């Protein structure tokens, strides 16, 4: 039975991070899908034919591990890892209310209020993963830190920002020369739209360009392209929501588009903070 039938929405996932959490660990699994063995009864489904480059002889082979490129691999992997993490949670030595454990496919986030708790949970998780046959990327591990990068976001106490690498990657994209390149750009900026005020309004000429036959790149598209890049550079830090408090949603309409910002009073000063822009 699937615990998580689909890959989680990262925006929804991060709403679980309370503003009181100060210490974080990020674990990135290495060659994650290959850590999951395939049952013998399923291996024939993954059979393929390979050719020996030396003598040209063809041989039938099959995968014995969950393969990359299979459309259901992310969901199958996530479900298996989720079951094993829940098993660890049930037998763990740290009280469940003292930490938060999040999983996005092969990326794990641990959040706690105390550094010692963060270190203890991290050690237990790493030991458990090792015993279950998972490999952890030493280079990508972020252990017991007050600021970490998770899913392209810079997470610290009470806030989330766009990661520098994410901003730089989008800023380096040249002007699209065809529809495929435009869709790549919109896909990458769309991932960041939570941080961009009036994203739908700014990007409207680019979405309209997707419908043009043949592909046309004019001044409106160029201006929208540059405005989105500039908006990413100046993107604000967003507050992490407290689900026990009220939310305020401010909405207005412009050029037939609904635009809004979600806010909440957070922190010891009960200051109104932005949680995200919507359009």
Foldseek 3Di string as FASTA:
>chain_A
DFPDQDFDDVLVQLLPDALLWQWKKKWFFDPQQQQAFDDPVCFVVAKDWDADPPPRDIDIDTDGTRDPPPPCSLRVQVRVVVVLVVVCQVVPPDPPVQWDWTDGRRMIMITGNDLVVQQRVVVSVVVSCVVSRIHIDPVQIDGTDQWHADPQWIDHRFWIAGHPVLLVVLLPQDDDPALVSLVVSCVSLVSVQQQAFPLCVLCVVSVVQNPDVPRDDDDSNVRSSVVSSVSNVVGDIFGRDDVVFDKDKDWDDDPNDIKIWIWFQDDPVRHITTHGIDD
